[in-house]
N, C-alpha and C. Protein backbone atom coordinates (compact mmCIF):
# COMPACT_ATOMS: atom_id res chain seq x y z
N MET A 1 0.80 -1.33 0.09
CA MET A 1 -0.14 0.01 -0.42
C MET A 1 1.03 0.92 0.21
N THR A 2 0.43 2.09 -0.71
CA THR A 2 1.37 3.43 -0.82
C THR A 2 0.77 4.57 0.26
N LEU A 3 1.79 5.28 0.37
CA LEU A 3 1.87 6.10 1.91
C LEU A 3 0.13 7.18 1.43
N GLU A 4 0.24 7.40 -0.19
CA GLU A 4 -1.34 7.73 -0.71
C GLU A 4 -2.28 7.31 -0.05
N GLU A 5 -2.69 6.17 -0.14
CA GLU A 5 -3.81 5.26 0.06
C GLU A 5 -3.95 5.06 1.32
N PHE A 6 -2.87 4.70 1.78
CA PHE A 6 -3.28 4.90 3.78
C PHE A 6 -3.44 6.14 4.18
N THR A 7 -3.10 6.75 3.77
CA THR A 7 -3.72 8.37 4.38
C THR A 7 -5.02 8.58 3.93
N ARG A 8 -5.39 8.36 3.09
CA ARG A 8 -6.84 8.26 2.13
C ARG A 8 -7.74 7.34 3.24
N ARG A 9 -7.20 6.50 3.64
CA ARG A 9 -8.17 5.39 4.04
C ARG A 9 -7.54 5.64 5.13
N PHE A 10 -7.13 6.08 6.16
CA PHE A 10 -6.84 7.02 7.45
C PHE A 10 -7.61 8.22 7.68
N THR A 11 -8.03 9.14 6.77
CA THR A 11 -8.79 10.09 6.95
C THR A 11 -9.91 10.01 6.80
N ALA A 12 -9.97 9.14 5.72
CA ALA A 12 -12.01 8.29 6.06
C ALA A 12 -12.10 7.48 6.77
N GLU A 13 -11.63 7.26 7.58
CA GLU A 13 -11.89 6.30 8.83
C GLU A 13 -11.57 7.62 10.24
N ALA A 14 -10.92 8.46 10.51
CA ALA A 14 -10.69 9.36 11.35
C ALA A 14 -12.28 9.94 11.11
N LYS A 15 -12.52 10.61 9.65
CA LYS A 15 -13.73 11.41 9.87
C LYS A 15 -15.23 10.49 9.95
N ARG A 16 -14.97 9.47 9.60
CA ARG A 16 -16.17 8.27 9.83
C ARG A 16 -16.25 8.00 11.71
N ILE A 17 -15.17 8.08 12.25
CA ILE A 17 -15.32 7.96 13.39
C ILE A 17 -15.88 9.31 14.60
N ALA A 18 -15.08 10.47 14.08
CA ALA A 18 -15.13 11.75 14.74
C ALA A 18 -16.35 12.09 14.41
N GLY A 19 -17.22 12.31 13.34
CA GLY A 19 -18.19 12.36 13.23
C GLY A 19 -18.30 13.78 12.62
N PHE A 20 -17.07 14.74 12.40
CA PHE A 20 -16.87 16.36 12.14
C PHE A 20 -15.41 16.24 11.38
N ASP A 21 -15.50 17.30 10.64
CA ASP A 21 -14.55 17.68 9.63
C ASP A 21 -13.47 18.85 9.74
N THR A 22 -13.83 19.24 11.31
CA THR A 22 -12.97 20.44 11.52
C THR A 22 -12.48 20.72 13.04
N PHE A 23 -11.47 20.84 13.42
CA PHE A 23 -11.85 20.95 15.05
C PHE A 23 -11.97 22.28 15.30
N ASP A 24 -11.94 22.54 16.58
CA ASP A 24 -12.62 23.77 17.51
C ASP A 24 -11.45 24.27 17.58
N ASP A 25 -10.79 24.72 16.87
CA ASP A 25 -9.80 25.92 16.52
C ASP A 25 -9.39 25.69 15.33
N GLY A 26 -10.02 25.02 14.60
CA GLY A 26 -10.38 25.17 12.71
C GLY A 26 -9.94 24.83 12.23
N THR A 27 -9.13 23.68 12.43
CA THR A 27 -7.95 23.63 11.49
C THR A 27 -8.95 21.63 11.49
N THR A 28 -8.63 21.24 9.84
CA THR A 28 -9.29 20.49 9.32
C THR A 28 -8.88 19.35 9.82
N VAL A 29 -10.07 18.30 9.50
CA VAL A 29 -9.74 16.76 9.45
C VAL A 29 -8.28 16.43 8.53
N ASP A 30 -9.01 16.84 7.41
CA ASP A 30 -8.35 16.22 6.42
C ASP A 30 -6.50 16.76 6.65
N ASP A 31 -6.30 17.76 7.10
CA ASP A 31 -5.17 18.55 6.88
C ASP A 31 -4.16 17.89 8.51
N TYR A 32 -5.12 17.68 9.66
CA TYR A 32 -4.67 17.09 10.70
C TYR A 32 -3.91 15.27 9.88
N CYS A 33 -4.75 14.68 9.33
CA CYS A 33 -4.77 13.46 8.95
C CYS A 33 -3.68 13.64 7.62
N LYS A 34 -3.56 14.33 7.24
CA LYS A 34 -2.41 14.68 5.85
C LYS A 34 -0.83 14.56 6.83
N GLU A 35 -1.08 15.59 7.76
CA GLU A 35 0.53 15.69 8.55
C GLU A 35 0.83 14.70 9.64
N VAL A 36 -0.50 13.41 10.30
CA VAL A 36 -0.12 12.49 11.23
C VAL A 36 0.06 11.29 10.50
N ALA A 37 -0.79 10.73 9.28
CA ALA A 37 -0.26 9.63 8.25
C ALA A 37 0.76 9.20 8.38
N PRO A 38 0.94 9.82 7.99
CA PRO A 38 2.83 9.41 7.62
C PRO A 38 3.95 8.76 8.75
N SER A 39 3.50 9.53 9.91
CA SER A 39 4.30 9.16 10.87
C SER A 39 3.37 7.59 11.50
N TYR A 40 2.52 7.35 10.88
CA TYR A 40 1.92 5.24 11.30
C TYR A 40 2.69 4.63 10.69
N TYR A 41 2.38 5.11 9.01
CA TYR A 41 3.04 4.62 7.50
C TYR A 41 4.52 4.22 7.91
N ALA A 42 4.92 5.11 8.66
CA ALA A 42 6.66 5.02 8.89
C ALA A 42 7.36 3.93 9.34
N GLU A 43 6.06 3.35 10.33
CA GLU A 43 6.54 2.93 11.46
C GLU A 43 5.76 0.97 10.73
N PRO A 44 6.72 -0.26 10.59
CA PRO A 44 5.80 -1.30 9.67
C PRO A 44 5.25 -1.69 10.63
N LEU A 45 4.93 -1.85 11.89
CA LEU A 45 4.22 -2.49 12.95
C LEU A 45 2.92 -1.73 13.09
N TYR A 46 2.82 -0.09 12.62
CA TYR A 46 1.46 0.18 12.71
C TYR A 46 0.96 0.26 11.29
N ARG A 47 1.48 -0.05 9.72
CA ARG A 47 1.53 -0.33 8.91
C ARG A 47 0.80 -1.38 8.83
N ASP A 48 1.29 -2.63 9.00
CA ASP A 48 1.39 -3.86 9.57
C ASP A 48 -0.76 -3.85 9.56
N GLU A 49 -1.09 -3.21 10.86
CA GLU A 49 -2.46 -2.93 11.42
C GLU A 49 -3.41 -2.38 10.27
N GLY A 50 -2.71 -1.74 9.89
CA GLY A 50 -3.65 -0.89 8.67
C GLY A 50 -3.92 0.52 9.13
N PRO A 51 -4.39 1.44 8.28
CA PRO A 51 -5.08 2.62 8.03
C PRO A 51 -6.02 2.64 9.12
N GLU A 52 -7.19 2.07 9.17
CA GLU A 52 -8.26 2.46 9.71
C GLU A 52 -8.15 2.10 11.46
N ALA A 53 -6.78 0.97 11.35
CA ALA A 53 -7.07 0.62 13.13
C ALA A 53 -6.43 1.74 14.02
N CYS A 54 -5.13 2.14 13.04
CA CYS A 54 -4.46 3.45 13.39
C CYS A 54 -5.09 4.41 13.32
N ALA A 55 -6.31 5.07 12.65
CA ALA A 55 -7.02 6.28 12.87
C ALA A 55 -8.21 5.91 14.18
N ASP A 56 -8.35 4.41 14.03
CA ASP A 56 -9.02 4.40 15.16
C ASP A 56 -8.14 5.02 16.81
N ALA A 57 -6.83 4.29 16.53
CA ALA A 57 -6.60 4.85 17.74
C ALA A 57 -6.03 5.90 17.89
N ASP A 58 -6.06 6.57 16.53
CA ASP A 58 -5.53 8.38 17.09
C ASP A 58 -6.65 8.93 17.91
N VAL A 59 -7.77 8.85 16.44
CA VAL A 59 -9.02 9.54 17.21
C VAL A 59 -9.39 9.26 18.82
N SER A 60 -9.02 8.58 19.39
CA SER A 60 -9.47 7.77 20.56
C SER A 60 -8.96 9.23 21.40
N TYR A 61 -7.96 9.49 21.23
CA TYR A 61 -6.95 10.28 22.01
C TYR A 61 -7.60 12.06 21.73
N TRP A 62 -8.39 12.17 21.01
CA TRP A 62 -8.81 13.44 20.64
C TRP A 62 -10.10 14.10 21.44
N GLY A 63 -9.87 15.29 21.76
CA GLY A 63 -10.69 15.73 22.88
C GLY A 63 -10.09 15.24 24.57
N GLU A 64 -8.31 14.88 24.33
CA GLU A 64 -8.51 14.97 25.76
C GLU A 64 -7.16 15.75 26.03
N GLU A 65 -7.45 16.19 27.18
CA GLU A 65 -6.42 17.59 27.74
C GLU A 65 -5.22 17.44 28.11
C-alpha cells in the first residue's frame, strides 16, 4: 500500500469515527490526517495493522487535554 492510499483510508476512517470535518481550533481533519498519517505509515508495525486501526487509535485521543 502506498502512503497516499494509507493516508486516504486513514482520513476517511478518522472522519467517520469523529463525525466532524473541522476541529474547534479551525484545523480540518483532512489537514491533520495528512500531517499525522505518515508517522503511522513509517512504522512497519502500525502499517501492518492498517490505516483504519491507526485512525481508530489516534481518534481515541482527540479531545483529551
